[in-house]
Amino acid sequence: MSTWAIGDVQGCHDPLQRLLERLKFDPAKDRLWFTGDLVNRGGQSLEVLRLVRSLDAASVVVLGNHDLSLLAIAEREEKDQKRVNPDLQRVLFAEDRDLLLDWLRARPLMHVDEALGFAMVHAGLAPKWTLKIAAKRAQEVEKLLRGKGRRRLLKQMYGNKPAAWAPSLEGMDRARAIINVMTRLRYCDVKGRIAFDEKGPPGSQTPGYYPWYEVPGHAPRELPVVFGHWSALGLFRGLGAYGIDTGCVWGGPLTALELGPEPQVVQVPGLAHASPGHRD
């Protein structure tokens, strides 16, 4: 039995199929962890959602910023849904859209497996969060997403303020801060203020900001954390963190990381004709 964490798929169904074949994945005995951002840009988001949902009993998916964006768009009027890119429209107007979106909305923001010895989040953790604290914060948002207040949350989750998490935050500011940390964070300062516009590789950021996993004085993390979201970082292993978004949708490989005492990496080619664009 093997457990494999897979980086951001972003609608790249064919590379995902090749990767599963390369892994000789057997849903009867193996398990998959997905770092989020299943959808958008790759052209095959509908097929990805159908495939991963079909593997639900053998997989764990955490929500990424693109997944949340799809859920937010799905709450808008039909005329507005028709304005998004064709890849997402194929999901929004599919005959099984409600089944897929309800399933996606029920995914967690964070996953912790103490027995396996790993945790997973799409983007990162605030400097003062232990895994136990982070799991509680994730549950706050998950409860809202699955309840009657989901439309309000999905409508108001966008924005860069507050820029840092604080225990005193309340209401939508609190939920937005949690979502921003877990689905958008790359760099922050020692107080946890997120540098939203800093998206390049380490060394390119403004002085005073650090990759979230190496902020000086950060709270101890009980387990290694697997994350995606940061294609410019590429494959990263160190400091108790594993970054596995290697930019499949941008022409980089799609990466799988075997979760065990000595994590192994398997990669397959991503999109052969990727278009340049804004990575987020």
Protein backbone atom coordinates (compact mmCIF):
# COMPACT_ATOMS: atom_id res chain seq x y z
CA MET A 1 0.00 0.00 0.00
CA SER A 2 1.31 3.44 -0.98
CA THR A 3 0.08 6.97 -0.37
CA TRP A 4 0.93 9.53 -3.03
CA ALA A 5 0.49 13.30 -2.78
CA ILE A 6 -0.16 14.93 -6.16
CA GLY A 7 0.50 18.59 -6.94
CA ASP A 8 -1.88 21.10 -8.53
CA VAL A 9 -3.65 19.44 -11.47
CA GLN A 10 -5.50 22.56 -12.73
CA GLY A 11 -7.60 20.81 -15.32
CA CYS A 12 -4.77 18.67 -16.76
CA HIS A 13 -6.65 15.38 -17.02
CA ASP A 14 -4.36 13.63 -19.50
CA PRO A 15 -1.18 14.22 -17.46
CA LEU A 16 -3.06 13.02 -14.37
CA GLN A 17 -4.06 9.82 -16.14
CA ARG A 18 -0.45 9.26 -17.22
CA LEU A 19 0.75 9.85 -13.67
CA LEU A 20 -1.70 7.34 -12.20
CA GLU A 21 -0.57 4.79 -14.78
CA ARG A 22 3.07 5.50 -13.95
CA LEU A 23 2.32 4.99 -10.25
CA LYS A 24 0.43 1.77 -11.02
CA PHE A 25 -2.22 3.20 -8.76
CA ASP A 26 -4.62 0.61 -7.35
CA PRO A 27 -7.61 2.18 -5.54
CA ALA A 28 -8.16 -1.08 -3.69
CA LYS A 29 -4.93 -0.61 -1.75
CA ASP A 30 -3.30 2.75 -2.56
CA ARG A 31 -4.29 6.26 -1.50
CA LEU A 32 -4.00 9.68 -3.15
CA TRP A 33 -3.68 13.14 -1.62
CA PHE A 34 -4.38 16.14 -3.86
CA THR A 35 -3.00 19.55 -2.88
CA GLY A 36 -5.96 21.45 -4.34
CA ASP A 37 -6.57 23.49 -7.47
CA LEU A 38 -8.04 20.57 -9.34
CA VAL A 39 -9.58 23.00 -11.82
CA ASN A 40 -8.96 25.90 -14.21
CA ARG A 41 -6.76 26.61 -17.20
CA GLY A 42 -5.87 23.09 -18.30
CA GLY A 43 -8.94 22.65 -20.50
CA GLN A 44 -10.06 19.40 -18.89
CA SER A 45 -11.39 20.53 -15.50
CA LEU A 46 -14.65 18.66 -15.97
CA GLU A 47 -12.83 15.39 -16.64
CA VAL A 48 -10.50 15.95 -13.67
CA LEU A 49 -13.42 16.51 -11.29
CA ARG A 50 -15.21 13.42 -12.55
CA LEU A 51 -12.09 11.29 -12.25
CA VAL A 52 -11.07 12.45 -8.78
CA ARG A 53 -14.63 12.21 -7.47
CA SER A 54 -14.79 8.63 -8.75
CA LEU A 55 -11.73 7.92 -6.58
CA ASP A 56 -13.29 9.52 -3.52
CA ALA A 57 -12.97 6.40 -1.35
CA ALA A 58 -9.25 6.27 -2.05
CA SER A 59 -8.34 9.94 -1.99
CA VAL A 60 -8.17 13.17 0.01
CA VAL A 61 -8.52 16.58 -1.66
CA VAL A 62 -7.93 19.94 0.03
CA LEU A 63 -9.47 23.06 -1.46
CA GLY A 64 -7.32 25.51 -3.40
CA ASN A 65 -8.01 29.08 -4.44
CA HIS A 66 -9.14 28.02 -7.92
CA ASP A 67 -11.52 25.46 -6.47
CA LEU A 68 -13.05 28.08 -4.19
CA SER A 69 -13.31 30.49 -7.12
CA LEU A 70 -15.27 27.91 -9.11
CA LEU A 71 -17.63 27.41 -6.18
CA ALA A 72 -18.11 31.18 -5.91
CA ILE A 73 -18.82 31.55 -9.63
CA ALA A 74 -21.39 28.75 -9.42
CA GLU A 75 -23.44 30.88 -6.99
CA ARG A 76 -23.76 33.75 -9.48
CA GLU A 77 -26.43 34.33 -12.09
CA GLU A 78 -26.24 32.26 -15.25
CA LYS A 79 -25.28 35.27 -17.39
CA ASP A 80 -22.25 35.84 -15.18
CA GLN A 81 -21.28 32.17 -15.28
CA LYS A 82 -21.18 32.42 -19.08
CA ARG A 83 -18.49 35.10 -18.86
CA VAL A 84 -15.81 32.83 -17.38
CA ASN A 85 -13.31 30.87 -19.45
CA PRO A 86 -14.49 27.87 -21.49
CA ASP A 87 -12.76 25.36 -19.21
CA LEU A 88 -14.84 26.41 -16.19
CA GLN A 89 -17.99 26.84 -18.28
CA ARG A 90 -17.81 23.16 -19.18
CA VAL A 91 -18.10 22.38 -15.46
CA LEU A 92 -20.76 24.99 -14.73
CA PHE A 93 -23.07 23.81 -17.52
CA ALA A 94 -22.45 20.08 -17.29
CA GLU A 95 -25.42 17.83 -16.57
CA ASP A 96 -23.70 16.57 -13.41
CA ARG A 97 -22.53 20.02 -12.23
CA ASP A 98 -24.49 19.97 -8.97
CA LEU A 99 -23.13 16.55 -8.08
CA LEU A 100 -19.57 17.68 -8.76
CA LEU A 101 -19.87 21.06 -7.05
CA ASP A 102 -21.55 19.63 -3.95
CA TRP A 103 -18.74 17.09 -3.71
CA LEU A 104 -16.07 19.77 -4.18
CA ARG A 105 -17.63 22.07 -1.56
CA ALA A 106 -17.45 19.24 0.98
CA ARG A 107 -13.66 18.95 0.66
CA PRO A 108 -11.56 20.20 3.62
CA LEU A 109 -9.12 23.09 3.72
CA MET A 110 -6.55 21.00 5.55
CA HIS A 111 -5.80 17.34 6.15
CA VAL A 112 -3.72 15.85 8.97
CA ASP A 113 -2.82 12.16 9.23
CA GLU A 114 -0.91 11.52 12.42
CA ALA A 115 -0.55 7.80 11.71
CA LEU A 116 1.00 8.43 8.31
CA GLY A 117 3.00 11.35 9.68
CA PHE A 118 2.06 14.10 7.22
CA ALA A 119 -0.27 17.09 6.92
CA MET A 120 -1.48 18.84 3.76
CA VAL A 121 -2.75 22.32 2.89
CA HIS A 122 -3.02 24.06 -0.46
CA ALA A 123 -0.83 27.11 0.20
CA GLY A 124 0.60 27.51 3.70
CA LEU A 125 0.22 28.14 7.43
CA ALA A 126 0.37 31.33 9.49
CA PRO A 127 3.61 31.68 11.50
CA LYS A 128 1.89 31.28 14.87
CA TRP A 129 -0.20 28.26 13.89
CA THR A 130 0.66 24.81 15.08
CA LEU A 131 -1.03 22.05 13.11
CA LYS A 132 -3.59 21.67 15.87
CA ILE A 133 -4.49 25.36 15.72
CA ALA A 134 -4.53 25.34 11.91
CA ALA A 135 -6.91 22.37 11.86
CA LYS A 136 -9.36 24.26 14.10
CA ARG A 137 -9.20 27.34 11.88
CA ALA A 138 -9.83 25.21 8.79
CA GLN A 139 -12.89 23.66 10.42
CA GLU A 140 -14.39 27.11 10.97
CA VAL A 141 -14.41 27.79 7.23
CA GLU A 142 -15.48 24.26 6.32
CA LYS A 143 -18.54 24.63 8.54
CA LEU A 144 -19.50 27.83 6.73
CA LEU A 145 -18.96 26.30 3.29
CA ARG A 146 -21.23 23.39 4.11
CA GLY A 147 -23.94 25.44 5.81
CA LYS A 148 -26.63 27.91 4.92
CA GLY A 149 -24.17 30.80 4.96
CA ARG A 150 -22.05 29.50 2.11
CA ARG A 151 -23.30 32.05 -0.44
CA ARG A 152 -22.35 34.96 1.81
CA LEU A 153 -18.93 33.43 2.45
CA LEU A 154 -18.21 32.74 -1.22
CA LYS A 155 -19.30 36.26 -2.17
CA GLN A 156 -17.23 38.00 0.50
CA MET A 157 -14.12 35.81 0.68
CA TYR A 158 -12.24 37.90 -1.92
CA GLY A 159 -9.88 40.63 -0.75
CA ASN A 160 -6.45 41.28 0.73
CA LYS A 161 -7.69 42.66 4.04
CA PRO A 162 -7.03 41.77 6.75
CA ALA A 163 -3.52 41.00 5.54
CA ALA A 164 -2.64 38.93 8.60
CA TRP A 165 -4.37 36.45 10.83
CA ALA A 166 -5.26 37.59 14.36
CA PRO A 167 -7.26 35.62 16.97
CA SER A 168 -9.44 38.69 17.58
CA LEU A 169 -10.85 38.70 14.04
CA GLU A 170 -14.57 38.06 13.69
CA GLY A 171 -17.15 37.34 11.02
CA MET A 172 -16.19 37.50 7.36
CA ASP A 173 -12.83 39.13 8.15
CA ARG A 174 -11.94 36.07 10.20
CA ALA A 175 -13.06 33.62 7.51
CA ARG A 176 -11.30 35.62 4.76
CA ALA A 177 -8.04 35.69 6.72
CA ILE A 178 -8.14 31.91 7.18
CA ILE A 179 -8.89 31.34 3.49
CA ASN A 180 -6.10 33.70 2.43
CA VAL A 181 -3.55 31.92 4.60
CA MET A 182 -4.53 28.42 3.54
CA THR A 183 -5.13 29.03 -0.17
CA ARG A 184 -3.09 32.11 -1.17
CA LEU A 185 -0.04 32.38 1.09
CA ARG A 186 3.49 32.25 -0.26
CA TYR A 187 5.42 34.98 1.55
CA CYS A 188 4.73 36.78 4.81
CA ASP A 189 6.60 38.77 7.43
CA VAL A 190 7.29 37.73 11.01
CA LYS A 191 3.88 39.07 12.06
CA GLY A 192 2.13 37.01 9.44
CA ARG A 193 1.30 39.85 7.03
CA ILE A 194 0.90 38.27 3.61
CA ALA A 195 2.75 39.70 0.60
CA PHE A 196 -0.03 38.96 -1.89
CA ASP A 197 1.84 40.34 -4.91
CA GLU A 198 5.03 38.35 -4.27
CA LYS A 199 4.81 35.19 -6.40
CA GLY A 200 8.32 34.52 -7.67
CA PRO A 201 10.93 32.06 -6.38
CA PRO A 202 12.71 32.68 -3.05
CA GLY A 203 15.19 35.50 -3.41
CA SER A 204 12.90 37.58 -5.58
CA GLN A 205 10.73 38.86 -2.72
CA THR A 206 10.85 42.23 -0.98
CA PRO A 207 13.22 42.29 2.03
CA GLY A 208 11.43 41.52 5.27
CA TYR A 209 9.24 38.81 3.78
CA TYR A 210 9.95 35.09 4.01
CA PRO A 211 8.60 31.90 2.47
CA TRP A 212 5.88 30.88 4.93
CA TYR A 213 7.71 27.69 5.94
CA GLU A 214 10.85 29.54 7.08
CA VAL A 215 9.55 32.62 8.88
CA PRO A 216 11.86 33.21 11.87
CA GLY A 217 10.27 32.13 15.14
CA HIS A 218 7.37 30.26 13.58
CA ALA A 219 5.41 27.89 15.78
CA PRO A 220 6.64 24.29 15.83
CA ARG A 221 4.84 22.03 13.37
CA GLU A 222 4.25 18.55 14.61
CA LEU A 223 4.43 16.91 11.17
CA PRO A 224 5.86 17.67 7.72
CA VAL A 225 3.46 19.73 5.59
CA VAL A 226 2.77 18.98 1.93
CA PHE A 227 1.57 21.95 -0.13
CA GLY A 228 1.01 23.19 -3.68
CA HIS A 229 0.00 26.61 -5.06
CA TRP A 230 3.52 27.88 -5.77
CA SER A 231 4.59 26.80 -9.25
CA ALA A 232 7.47 29.30 -9.34
CA LEU A 233 8.96 27.53 -6.32
CA GLY A 234 8.99 24.21 -8.13
CA LEU A 235 9.71 20.98 -6.33
CA PHE A 236 10.80 21.83 -2.79
CA ARG A 237 11.87 19.56 0.04
CA GLY A 238 13.19 20.95 3.30
CA LEU A 239 12.44 22.74 6.57
CA GLY A 240 9.59 20.34 7.34
CA ALA A 241 7.76 21.19 4.11
CA TYR A 242 7.22 19.60 0.72
CA GLY A 243 6.17 21.85 -2.16
CA ILE A 244 4.90 19.81 -5.11
CA ASP A 245 3.22 22.29 -7.48
CA THR A 246 5.61 22.01 -10.40
CA GLY A 247 3.49 23.93 -12.90
CA CYS A 248 1.83 21.16 -14.90
CA VAL A 249 -0.52 23.66 -16.52
CA TRP A 250 2.43 25.90 -17.46
CA GLY A 251 4.41 23.18 -19.25
CA GLY A 252 6.18 21.80 -16.19
CA PRO A 253 5.75 18.25 -14.92
CA LEU A 254 2.93 16.89 -12.78
CA THR A 255 4.46 15.62 -9.57
CA ALA A 256 3.61 12.83 -7.15
CA LEU A 257 5.34 12.47 -3.80
CA GLU A 258 5.23 9.13 -2.00
CA LEU A 259 4.45 9.81 1.65
CA GLY A 260 6.63 7.62 3.81
CA PRO A 261 9.88 7.53 5.79
CA GLU A 262 11.91 8.32 2.65
CA PRO A 263 9.57 10.23 0.30
CA GLN A 264 10.11 9.41 -3.37
CA VAL A 265 9.18 11.62 -6.32
CA VAL A 266 7.57 10.53 -9.59
CA GLN A 267 6.87 13.00 -12.40
CA VAL A 268 5.26 12.96 -15.84
CA PRO A 269 5.25 15.72 -18.49
CA GLY A 270 2.55 18.36 -18.12
CA LEU A 271 0.78 20.24 -20.89
CA ALA A 272 2.84 20.16 -24.06
CA HIS A 273 1.49 23.46 -25.38
CA ALA A 274 1.04 25.55 -22.27
CA SER A 275 0.20 29.22 -22.72
CA PRO A 276 2.17 31.84 -20.79
CA GLY A 277 0.11 33.70 -18.25
CA HIS A 278 -0.30 35.02 -14.75
CA ARG A 279 0.45 32.32 -12.20
CA ASP A 280 -1.71 32.40 -9.07
